[in-house]
Amino acid sequence: MATAHSGPPLEHGALRLTVEEGYLAYAGAFLTGDARDTAVEDAFAILWLSFDAALASPDIRRYAWDLLRATVKARADYRDERPVLGEAAFDTLALRQETSVEGQVAQLAESLELYAAISRLPDTQLDVMVLRRMCGYPPEDVSDLLGLSLATVRSTERHAQRFLNDTIEPPATEGPTP
């Protein structure tokens, strides 16, 4: 008598072990607390239900990432059809390192502007910048999470950085310019 397998396949569990921390970090840029955890859990459940399609795809990591992104973005708050990343601006290393109130206010304003600009990036650039700049992952880890080549991650980051540099106003300096 054969028994049906009642849980996720071994490969699903292995993938989950390798990517779950990164998925939670990414989701944390858009969602907080239980909403973040639920979105990641739901993404893994959807992956399990569609695992045959994932295995048939060119890259299972890319397939799984696309599921995660769709699940997270479906639950994120939006403003002007762009996901809101503003809450993440209140939890940055730069803000925690500021000692003066004036410095904290300036840093918060800078972070809010940066995150608003990041939210306007196309999906892959958004993913790379969230993982690299907001979550602090090195390019190799971003490549592994997204199922993209390291060269693609680096190129995508350069294009995104160019957009951000062109979009964000440099901080105003005090006093006259010589």
N, C-alpha and C. Protein backbone atom coordinates (compact mmCIF):
# COMPACT_ATOMS: atom_id res chain seq x y z
N MET A 1 0.84 -1.18 0.00
CA MET A 1 0.00 0.00 0.00
C MET A 1 0.88 1.24 0.00
N ALA A 2 0.67 2.14 -0.93
CA ALA A 2 1.44 3.38 -1.02
C ALA A 2 0.70 4.48 -0.27
N THR A 3 1.45 5.32 0.37
CA THR A 3 0.84 6.45 1.07
C THR A 3 1.18 7.73 0.33
N ALA A 4 0.27 8.63 0.34
CA ALA A 4 0.48 9.93 -0.31
C ALA A 4 1.32 10.81 0.61
N HIS A 5 2.18 11.58 0.00
CA HIS A 5 3.03 12.51 0.75
C HIS A 5 2.16 13.68 1.22
N SER A 6 2.11 13.91 2.53
CA SER A 6 1.18 14.90 3.05
C SER A 6 1.80 16.27 3.30
N GLY A 7 3.10 16.38 3.26
CA GLY A 7 3.75 17.66 3.52
C GLY A 7 4.49 18.16 2.30
N PRO A 8 5.12 19.31 2.45
CA PRO A 8 5.88 19.86 1.32
C PRO A 8 7.03 18.93 0.94
N PRO A 9 7.42 18.94 -0.32
CA PRO A 9 8.56 18.12 -0.74
C PRO A 9 9.85 18.58 -0.06
N LEU A 10 10.81 17.70 -0.01
CA LEU A 10 12.10 18.00 0.61
C LEU A 10 12.75 19.23 -0.01
N GLU A 11 12.65 19.36 -1.31
CA GLU A 11 13.26 20.50 -2.00
C GLU A 11 12.66 21.82 -1.52
N HIS A 12 11.34 21.80 -1.27
CA HIS A 12 10.65 22.99 -0.77
C HIS A 12 11.22 23.38 0.58
N GLY A 13 11.39 22.41 1.46
CA GLY A 13 11.96 22.68 2.78
C GLY A 13 13.38 23.20 2.70
N ALA A 14 14.17 22.64 1.79
CA ALA A 14 15.55 23.08 1.62
C ALA A 14 15.59 24.53 1.11
N LEU A 15 14.75 24.83 0.13
CA LEU A 15 14.70 26.20 -0.37
C LEU A 15 14.28 27.15 0.74
N ARG A 16 13.28 26.76 1.48
CA ARG A 16 12.79 27.61 2.57
C ARG A 16 13.90 27.91 3.58
N LEU A 17 14.65 26.90 3.94
CA LEU A 17 15.75 27.09 4.90
C LEU A 17 16.79 28.10 4.39
N THR A 18 17.02 28.10 3.09
CA THR A 18 18.06 28.98 2.55
C THR A 18 17.59 30.40 2.29
N VAL A 19 16.29 30.61 2.11
CA VAL A 19 15.83 31.95 1.71
C VAL A 19 14.92 32.65 2.71
N GLU A 20 14.43 31.94 3.71
CA GLU A 20 13.40 32.52 4.59
C GLU A 20 13.86 33.81 5.28
N GLU A 21 15.07 33.85 5.75
CA GLU A 21 15.56 35.07 6.43
C GLU A 21 15.54 36.27 5.48
N GLY A 22 16.01 36.07 4.26
CA GLY A 22 15.99 37.15 3.27
C GLY A 22 14.59 37.56 2.89
N TYR A 23 13.68 36.59 2.79
CA TYR A 23 12.29 36.89 2.47
C TYR A 23 11.66 37.73 3.58
N LEU A 24 11.94 37.38 4.82
CA LEU A 24 11.41 38.16 5.95
C LEU A 24 11.97 39.58 5.95
N ALA A 25 13.26 39.71 5.65
CA ALA A 25 13.87 41.04 5.61
C ALA A 25 13.21 41.89 4.52
N TYR A 26 13.03 41.33 3.33
CA TYR A 26 12.40 42.05 2.22
C TYR A 26 10.97 42.45 2.59
N ALA A 27 10.22 41.49 3.08
CA ALA A 27 8.83 41.76 3.45
C ALA A 27 8.75 42.83 4.53
N GLY A 28 9.75 42.88 5.41
CA GLY A 28 9.78 43.86 6.48
C GLY A 28 9.93 45.30 6.00
N ALA A 29 10.38 45.48 4.78
CA ALA A 29 10.46 46.83 4.21
C ALA A 29 9.08 47.37 3.85
N PHE A 30 8.13 46.46 3.64
CA PHE A 30 6.78 46.85 3.22
C PHE A 30 5.73 46.63 4.30
N LEU A 31 5.96 45.64 5.16
CA LEU A 31 4.98 45.23 6.15
C LEU A 31 5.65 45.08 7.51
N THR A 32 4.88 45.09 8.56
CA THR A 32 5.45 44.93 9.89
C THR A 32 4.79 43.77 10.63
N GLY A 33 5.49 43.26 11.62
CA GLY A 33 4.95 42.28 12.55
C GLY A 33 4.29 41.08 11.91
N ASP A 34 3.08 40.82 12.36
CA ASP A 34 2.33 39.65 11.88
C ASP A 34 2.03 39.72 10.39
N ALA A 35 1.80 40.90 9.87
CA ALA A 35 1.51 41.03 8.44
C ALA A 35 2.71 40.57 7.62
N ARG A 36 3.91 40.92 8.06
CA ARG A 36 5.14 40.49 7.38
C ARG A 36 5.26 38.97 7.43
N ASP A 37 5.11 38.42 8.62
CA ASP A 37 5.25 36.97 8.81
C ASP A 37 4.21 36.20 8.02
N THR A 38 2.98 36.70 8.02
CA THR A 38 1.89 36.04 7.30
C THR A 38 2.13 36.07 5.79
N ALA A 39 2.61 37.18 5.28
CA ALA A 39 2.89 37.28 3.84
C ALA A 39 3.95 36.27 3.42
N VAL A 40 5.00 36.14 4.21
CA VAL A 40 6.06 35.18 3.87
C VAL A 40 5.53 33.76 3.99
N GLU A 41 4.79 33.47 5.04
CA GLU A 41 4.20 32.14 5.21
C GLU A 41 3.27 31.81 4.05
N ASP A 42 2.45 32.77 3.64
CA ASP A 42 1.54 32.56 2.52
C ASP A 42 2.31 32.32 1.21
N ALA A 43 3.40 33.03 1.02
CA ALA A 43 4.22 32.83 -0.18
C ALA A 43 4.76 31.40 -0.23
N PHE A 44 5.22 30.90 0.91
CA PHE A 44 5.71 29.52 0.94
C PHE A 44 4.58 28.51 0.74
N ALA A 45 3.39 28.81 1.22
CA ALA A 45 2.24 27.93 1.01
C ALA A 45 1.87 27.89 -0.48
N ILE A 46 1.86 29.05 -1.11
CA ILE A 46 1.57 29.11 -2.55
C ILE A 46 2.64 28.36 -3.33
N LEU A 47 3.89 28.52 -2.92
CA LEU A 47 4.99 27.80 -3.58
C LEU A 47 4.77 26.29 -3.46
N TRP A 48 4.38 25.83 -2.29
CA TRP A 48 4.14 24.41 -2.10
C TRP A 48 3.03 23.92 -3.03
N LEU A 49 1.95 24.69 -3.11
CA LEU A 49 0.83 24.29 -3.96
C LEU A 49 1.18 24.30 -5.45
N SER A 50 2.15 25.12 -5.82
CA SER A 50 2.54 25.21 -7.23
C SER A 50 3.96 24.68 -7.45
N PHE A 51 4.37 23.75 -6.61
CA PHE A 51 5.77 23.31 -6.66
C PHE A 51 6.13 22.61 -7.96
N ASP A 52 5.20 21.90 -8.57
CA ASP A 52 5.50 21.27 -9.86
C ASP A 52 5.83 22.33 -10.91
N ALA A 53 5.07 23.43 -10.91
CA ALA A 53 5.36 24.52 -11.84
C ALA A 53 6.70 25.18 -11.51
N ALA A 54 7.00 25.29 -10.22
CA ALA A 54 8.28 25.88 -9.81
C ALA A 54 9.43 25.02 -10.30
N LEU A 55 9.30 23.71 -10.16
CA LEU A 55 10.36 22.81 -10.61
C LEU A 55 10.52 22.83 -12.13
N ALA A 56 9.43 23.07 -12.84
CA ALA A 56 9.48 23.13 -14.30
C ALA A 56 9.97 24.48 -14.81
N SER A 57 10.05 25.47 -13.95
CA SER A 57 10.49 26.81 -14.37
C SER A 57 12.01 26.81 -14.60
N PRO A 58 12.51 27.80 -15.34
CA PRO A 58 13.95 27.87 -15.59
C PRO A 58 14.79 28.01 -14.31
N ASP A 59 14.25 28.67 -13.29
CA ASP A 59 14.99 28.85 -12.04
C ASP A 59 13.99 28.88 -10.89
N ILE A 60 14.06 27.91 -10.03
CA ILE A 60 13.11 27.80 -8.93
C ILE A 60 13.22 28.98 -7.98
N ARG A 61 14.45 29.50 -7.81
CA ARG A 61 14.62 30.66 -6.93
C ARG A 61 13.89 31.87 -7.49
N ARG A 62 13.97 32.08 -8.79
CA ARG A 62 13.28 33.22 -9.42
C ARG A 62 11.76 33.04 -9.30
N TYR A 63 11.31 31.83 -9.54
CA TYR A 63 9.88 31.53 -9.44
C TYR A 63 9.39 31.84 -8.02
N ALA A 64 10.14 31.35 -7.03
CA ALA A 64 9.75 31.57 -5.63
C ALA A 64 9.80 33.06 -5.28
N TRP A 65 10.81 33.77 -5.78
CA TRP A 65 10.91 35.20 -5.49
C TRP A 65 9.73 35.96 -6.07
N ASP A 66 9.36 35.63 -7.30
CA ASP A 66 8.22 36.31 -7.92
C ASP A 66 6.94 36.09 -7.11
N LEU A 67 6.77 34.88 -6.55
CA LEU A 67 5.62 34.62 -5.68
C LEU A 67 5.69 35.48 -4.43
N LEU A 68 6.87 35.55 -3.83
CA LEU A 68 7.03 36.37 -2.62
C LEU A 68 6.71 37.83 -2.91
N ARG A 69 7.31 38.38 -3.97
CA ARG A 69 7.08 39.79 -4.29
C ARG A 69 5.60 40.07 -4.48
N ALA A 70 4.94 39.22 -5.25
CA ALA A 70 3.51 39.42 -5.50
C ALA A 70 2.70 39.36 -4.21
N THR A 71 3.05 38.43 -3.34
CA THR A 71 2.32 38.27 -2.08
C THR A 71 2.53 39.47 -1.17
N VAL A 72 3.77 39.93 -1.06
CA VAL A 72 4.09 41.08 -0.21
C VAL A 72 3.46 42.34 -0.76
N LYS A 73 3.62 42.58 -2.06
CA LYS A 73 3.10 43.81 -2.64
C LYS A 73 1.57 43.84 -2.64
N ALA A 74 0.92 42.68 -2.65
CA ALA A 74 -0.54 42.64 -2.58
C ALA A 74 -1.03 43.12 -1.22
N ARG A 75 -0.20 43.01 -0.20
CA ARG A 75 -0.60 43.39 1.16
C ARG A 75 -0.04 44.75 1.59
N ALA A 76 0.86 45.31 0.81
CA ALA A 76 1.51 46.58 1.17
C ALA A 76 0.53 47.75 1.00
N ASP A 77 0.82 48.81 1.74
CA ASP A 77 0.08 50.06 1.55
C ASP A 77 0.66 50.76 0.32
N TYR A 78 -0.21 51.50 -0.37
CA TYR A 78 0.21 52.20 -1.59
C TYR A 78 -0.16 53.67 -1.51
N ARG A 79 0.66 54.49 -2.15
CA ARG A 79 0.37 55.90 -2.34
C ARG A 79 0.79 56.22 -3.76
N ASP A 80 -0.11 56.78 -4.52
CA ASP A 80 0.16 57.09 -5.93
C ASP A 80 0.62 55.86 -6.70
N GLU A 81 -0.02 54.73 -6.44
CA GLU A 81 0.24 53.47 -7.11
C GLU A 81 1.65 52.92 -6.88
N ARG A 82 2.33 53.40 -5.86
CA ARG A 82 3.66 52.92 -5.50
C ARG A 82 3.63 52.42 -4.06
N PRO A 83 4.34 51.33 -3.77
CA PRO A 83 4.34 50.82 -2.39
C PRO A 83 4.97 51.83 -1.43
N VAL A 84 4.42 51.91 -0.23
CA VAL A 84 4.90 52.84 0.78
C VAL A 84 6.01 52.16 1.58
N LEU A 85 7.18 52.77 1.57
CA LEU A 85 8.32 52.26 2.33
C LEU A 85 8.64 53.19 3.49
N GLY A 86 7.84 54.21 3.70
CA GLY A 86 8.12 55.26 4.67
C GLY A 86 8.33 54.77 6.09
N GLU A 87 7.57 53.76 6.52
CA GLU A 87 7.72 53.29 7.89
C GLU A 87 9.13 52.76 8.15
N ALA A 88 9.75 52.19 7.13
CA ALA A 88 11.11 51.68 7.28
C ALA A 88 12.11 52.81 7.53
N ALA A 89 11.78 54.03 7.14
CA ALA A 89 12.68 55.17 7.35
C ALA A 89 12.87 55.49 8.83
N PHE A 90 11.93 55.03 9.64
CA PHE A 90 12.03 55.30 11.08
C PHE A 90 12.93 54.29 11.79
N ASP A 91 13.43 53.30 11.06
CA ASP A 91 14.27 52.27 11.65
C ASP A 91 15.52 52.06 10.80
N THR A 92 16.34 53.09 10.72
CA THR A 92 17.58 52.98 9.97
C THR A 92 18.78 53.15 10.89
N LEU A 93 19.88 52.57 10.49
CA LEU A 93 21.12 52.70 11.25
C LEU A 93 21.54 54.16 11.32
N ALA A 94 21.43 54.87 10.21
CA ALA A 94 21.82 56.28 10.18
C ALA A 94 21.01 57.11 11.18
N LEU A 95 19.72 56.82 11.29
CA LEU A 95 18.88 57.55 12.23
C LEU A 95 19.26 57.22 13.68
N ARG A 96 19.53 55.95 13.94
CA ARG A 96 19.92 55.56 15.30
C ARG A 96 21.26 56.15 15.71
N GLN A 97 22.13 56.42 14.75
CA GLN A 97 23.45 56.96 15.05
C GLN A 97 23.44 58.47 15.27
N GLU A 98 22.38 59.14 14.85
CA GLU A 98 22.28 60.58 15.05
C GLU A 98 22.05 60.88 16.53
N THR A 99 22.80 61.84 17.06
CA THR A 99 22.68 62.15 18.49
C THR A 99 21.86 63.40 18.76
N SER A 100 21.80 64.31 17.81
CA SER A 100 21.03 65.54 18.04
C SER A 100 19.64 65.42 17.43
N VAL A 101 18.71 66.15 17.97
CA VAL A 101 17.34 66.15 17.45
C VAL A 101 17.33 66.71 16.03
N GLU A 102 18.11 67.77 15.81
CA GLU A 102 18.17 68.36 14.46
C GLU A 102 18.72 67.35 13.46
N GLY A 103 19.75 66.62 13.86
CA GLY A 103 20.34 65.61 13.00
C GLY A 103 19.36 64.48 12.72
N GLN A 104 18.59 64.08 13.72
CA GLN A 104 17.59 63.04 13.53
C GLN A 104 16.50 63.48 12.57
N VAL A 105 16.06 64.72 12.71
CA VAL A 105 15.02 65.25 11.82
C VAL A 105 15.54 65.29 10.38
N ALA A 106 16.76 65.78 10.20
CA ALA A 106 17.35 65.85 8.86
C ALA A 106 17.53 64.45 8.27
N GLN A 107 18.00 63.51 9.09
CA GLN A 107 18.21 62.14 8.61
C GLN A 107 16.89 61.47 8.24
N LEU A 108 15.87 61.70 9.04
CA LEU A 108 14.55 61.13 8.76
C LEU A 108 14.00 61.69 7.45
N ALA A 109 14.13 62.99 7.25
CA ALA A 109 13.67 63.61 6.00
C ALA A 109 14.41 63.03 4.80
N GLU A 110 15.72 62.85 4.95
CA GLU A 110 16.52 62.28 3.87
C GLU A 110 16.10 60.84 3.58
N SER A 111 15.89 60.05 4.62
CA SER A 111 15.48 58.66 4.44
C SER A 111 14.10 58.58 3.79
N LEU A 112 13.17 59.42 4.22
CA LEU A 112 11.83 59.41 3.63
C LEU A 112 11.89 59.74 2.14
N GLU A 113 12.71 60.71 1.77
CA GLU A 113 12.86 61.07 0.36
C GLU A 113 13.48 59.92 -0.43
N LEU A 114 14.51 59.30 0.14
CA LEU A 114 15.16 58.17 -0.53
C LEU A 114 14.19 57.01 -0.72
N TYR A 115 13.44 56.66 0.33
CA TYR A 115 12.54 55.52 0.23
C TYR A 115 11.38 55.80 -0.71
N ALA A 116 10.94 57.04 -0.77
CA ALA A 116 9.89 57.41 -1.73
C ALA A 116 10.41 57.24 -3.16
N ALA A 117 11.67 57.62 -3.38
CA ALA A 117 12.27 57.45 -4.71
C ALA A 117 12.47 55.97 -5.03
N ILE A 118 12.91 55.17 -4.07
CA ILE A 118 13.09 53.74 -4.29
C ILE A 118 11.76 53.09 -4.68
N SER A 119 10.67 53.53 -4.08
CA SER A 119 9.37 52.92 -4.37
C SER A 119 8.93 53.16 -5.81
N ARG A 120 9.54 54.13 -6.50
CA ARG A 120 9.19 54.42 -7.90
C ARG A 120 9.98 53.57 -8.89
N LEU A 121 10.90 52.75 -8.40
CA LEU A 121 11.71 51.91 -9.29
C LEU A 121 10.89 50.75 -9.85
N PRO A 122 11.26 50.26 -11.05
CA PRO A 122 10.63 49.03 -11.57
C PRO A 122 10.91 47.85 -10.61
N ASP A 123 10.12 46.80 -10.71
CA ASP A 123 10.16 45.70 -9.74
C ASP A 123 11.57 45.16 -9.44
N THR A 124 12.32 44.78 -10.45
CA THR A 124 13.63 44.17 -10.18
C THR A 124 14.57 45.18 -9.54
N GLN A 125 14.57 46.42 -10.01
CA GLN A 125 15.41 47.44 -9.38
C GLN A 125 14.96 47.70 -7.95
N LEU A 126 13.66 47.72 -7.73
CA LEU A 126 13.12 47.89 -6.37
C LEU A 126 13.61 46.76 -5.47
N ASP A 127 13.50 45.53 -5.96
CA ASP A 127 13.94 44.38 -5.17
C ASP A 127 15.41 44.49 -4.79
N VAL A 128 16.23 44.80 -5.77
CA VAL A 128 17.67 44.89 -5.52
C VAL A 128 17.98 46.01 -4.53
N MET A 129 17.36 47.15 -4.70
CA MET A 129 17.66 48.27 -3.80
C MET A 129 17.13 48.03 -2.39
N VAL A 130 15.98 47.41 -2.26
CA VAL A 130 15.47 47.09 -0.92
C VAL A 130 16.44 46.13 -0.23
N LEU A 131 16.83 45.08 -0.94
CA LEU A 131 17.73 44.10 -0.33
C LEU A 131 19.13 44.67 -0.07
N ARG A 132 19.63 45.46 -0.99
CA ARG A 132 21.00 46.00 -0.84
C ARG A 132 21.03 47.17 0.14
N ARG A 133 20.21 48.17 -0.06
CA ARG A 133 20.31 49.42 0.71
C ARG A 133 19.52 49.40 2.01
N MET A 134 18.37 48.77 2.00
CA MET A 134 17.54 48.79 3.21
C MET A 134 17.82 47.60 4.12
N CYS A 135 18.11 46.45 3.51
CA CYS A 135 18.34 45.24 4.31
C CYS A 135 19.83 44.95 4.50
N GLY A 136 20.68 45.56 3.69
CA GLY A 136 22.12 45.41 3.86
C GLY A 136 22.72 44.12 3.34
N TYR A 137 22.06 43.46 2.40
CA TYR A 137 22.59 42.21 1.86
C TYR A 137 23.68 42.49 0.82
N PRO A 138 24.73 41.68 0.80
CA PRO A 138 25.76 41.82 -0.24
C PRO A 138 25.21 41.33 -1.59
N PRO A 139 25.81 41.76 -2.68
CA PRO A 139 25.31 41.39 -4.01
C PRO A 139 25.18 39.88 -4.22
N GLU A 140 26.09 39.10 -3.68
CA GLU A 140 26.04 37.64 -3.86
C GLU A 140 24.78 37.06 -3.22
N ASP A 141 24.42 37.54 -2.05
CA ASP A 141 23.21 37.07 -1.39
C ASP A 141 21.96 37.52 -2.14
N VAL A 142 21.98 38.74 -2.66
CA VAL A 142 20.85 39.23 -3.44
C VAL A 142 20.67 38.37 -4.69
N SER A 143 21.77 38.03 -5.33
CA SER A 143 21.74 37.15 -6.49
C SER A 143 21.09 35.81 -6.15
N ASP A 144 21.49 35.23 -5.03
CA ASP A 144 20.92 33.95 -4.61
C ASP A 144 19.44 34.06 -4.30
N LEU A 145 19.03 35.13 -3.60
CA LEU A 145 17.62 35.29 -3.24
C LEU A 145 16.74 35.50 -4.46
N LEU A 146 17.21 36.35 -5.38
CA LEU A 146 16.38 36.72 -6.53
C LEU A 146 16.44 35.71 -7.67
N GLY A 147 17.42 34.83 -7.64
CA GLY A 147 17.59 33.91 -8.76
C GLY A 147 18.06 34.62 -10.01
N LEU A 148 18.90 35.64 -9.81
CA LEU A 148 19.49 36.40 -10.91
C LEU A 148 21.00 36.24 -10.85
N SER A 149 21.65 36.39 -11.99
CA SER A 149 23.11 36.33 -11.99
C SER A 149 23.67 37.52 -11.22
N LEU A 150 24.88 37.34 -10.72
CA LEU A 150 25.54 38.42 -9.99
C LEU A 150 25.74 39.64 -10.90
N ALA A 151 26.07 39.42 -12.16
CA ALA A 151 26.24 40.53 -13.10
C ALA A 151 24.93 41.29 -13.28
N THR A 152 23.81 40.58 -13.33
CA THR A 152 22.51 41.24 -13.48
C THR A 152 22.18 42.06 -12.24
N VAL A 153 22.47 41.53 -11.06
CA VAL A 153 22.23 42.28 -9.82
C VAL A 153 23.05 43.55 -9.81
N ARG A 154 24.32 43.46 -10.16
CA ARG A 154 25.19 44.65 -10.15
C ARG A 154 24.74 45.68 -11.18
N SER A 155 24.38 45.22 -12.36
CA SER A 155 23.91 46.13 -13.40
C SER A 155 22.60 46.79 -12.99
N THR A 156 21.69 46.00 -12.45
CA THR A 156 20.41 46.53 -11.98
C THR A 156 20.62 47.57 -10.90
N GLU A 157 21.54 47.30 -9.99
CA GLU A 157 21.82 48.26 -8.92
C GLU A 157 22.39 49.56 -9.48
N ARG A 158 23.28 49.47 -10.46
CA ARG A 158 23.84 50.69 -11.08
C ARG A 158 22.74 51.52 -11.74
N HIS A 159 21.84 50.86 -12.47
CA HIS A 159 20.74 51.59 -13.12
C HIS A 159 19.82 52.23 -12.08
N ALA A 160 19.53 51.51 -11.03
CA ALA A 160 18.67 52.05 -9.97
C ALA A 160 19.35 53.23 -9.28
N GLN A 161 20.63 53.10 -9.01
CA GLN A 161 21.37 54.18 -8.34
C GLN A 161 21.42 55.42 -9.22
N ARG A 162 21.56 55.22 -10.51
CA ARG A 162 21.57 56.36 -11.44
C ARG A 162 20.22 57.08 -11.39
N PHE A 163 19.13 56.32 -11.37
CA PHE A 163 17.79 56.92 -11.26
C PHE A 163 17.67 57.69 -9.95
N LEU A 164 18.10 57.09 -8.86
CA LEU A 164 18.00 57.75 -7.56
C LEU A 164 18.83 59.03 -7.52
N ASN A 165 20.03 58.98 -8.07
CA ASN A 165 20.89 60.17 -8.10
C ASN A 165 20.25 61.30 -8.90
N ASP A 166 19.56 60.93 -9.99
CA ASP A 166 18.90 61.94 -10.82
C ASP A 166 17.61 62.45 -10.19
N THR A 167 17.03 61.67 -9.29
CA THR A 167 15.72 61.99 -8.72
C THR A 167 15.80 62.76 -7.41
N ILE A 168 16.73 62.38 -6.56
CA ILE A 168 16.79 62.95 -5.22
C ILE A 168 17.59 64.25 -5.23
N GLU A 169 16.99 65.26 -4.61
CA GLU A 169 17.65 66.55 -4.49
C GLU A 169 18.81 66.45 -3.50
N PRO A 170 19.97 66.98 -3.85
CA PRO A 170 21.06 66.98 -2.86
C PRO A 170 20.67 67.86 -1.67
N PRO A 171 21.17 67.51 -0.47
CA PRO A 171 20.81 68.31 0.70
C PRO A 171 21.27 69.76 0.53
N ALA A 172 20.44 70.65 1.00
CA ALA A 172 20.78 72.08 0.92
C ALA A 172 21.92 72.37 1.89
N THR A 173 22.81 73.24 1.46
CA THR A 173 23.91 73.67 2.34
C THR A 173 23.60 75.07 2.83
N GLU A 174 24.11 75.35 3.98
CA GLU A 174 23.87 76.66 4.55
C GLU A 174 24.91 77.66 4.04
N GLY A 175 24.48 78.85 3.94
CA GLY A 175 25.39 79.94 3.54
C GLY A 175 25.51 80.09 2.04
N PRO A 176 26.11 81.17 1.63
CA PRO A 176 26.26 81.44 0.19
C PRO A 176 27.31 80.51 -0.43
N THR A 177 27.11 80.23 -1.69
CA THR A 177 28.07 79.44 -2.42
C THR A 177 29.09 80.37 -3.05
N PRO A 178 30.38 80.06 -2.91
CA PRO A 178 31.39 80.96 -3.49
C PRO A 178 31.38 80.95 -4.99
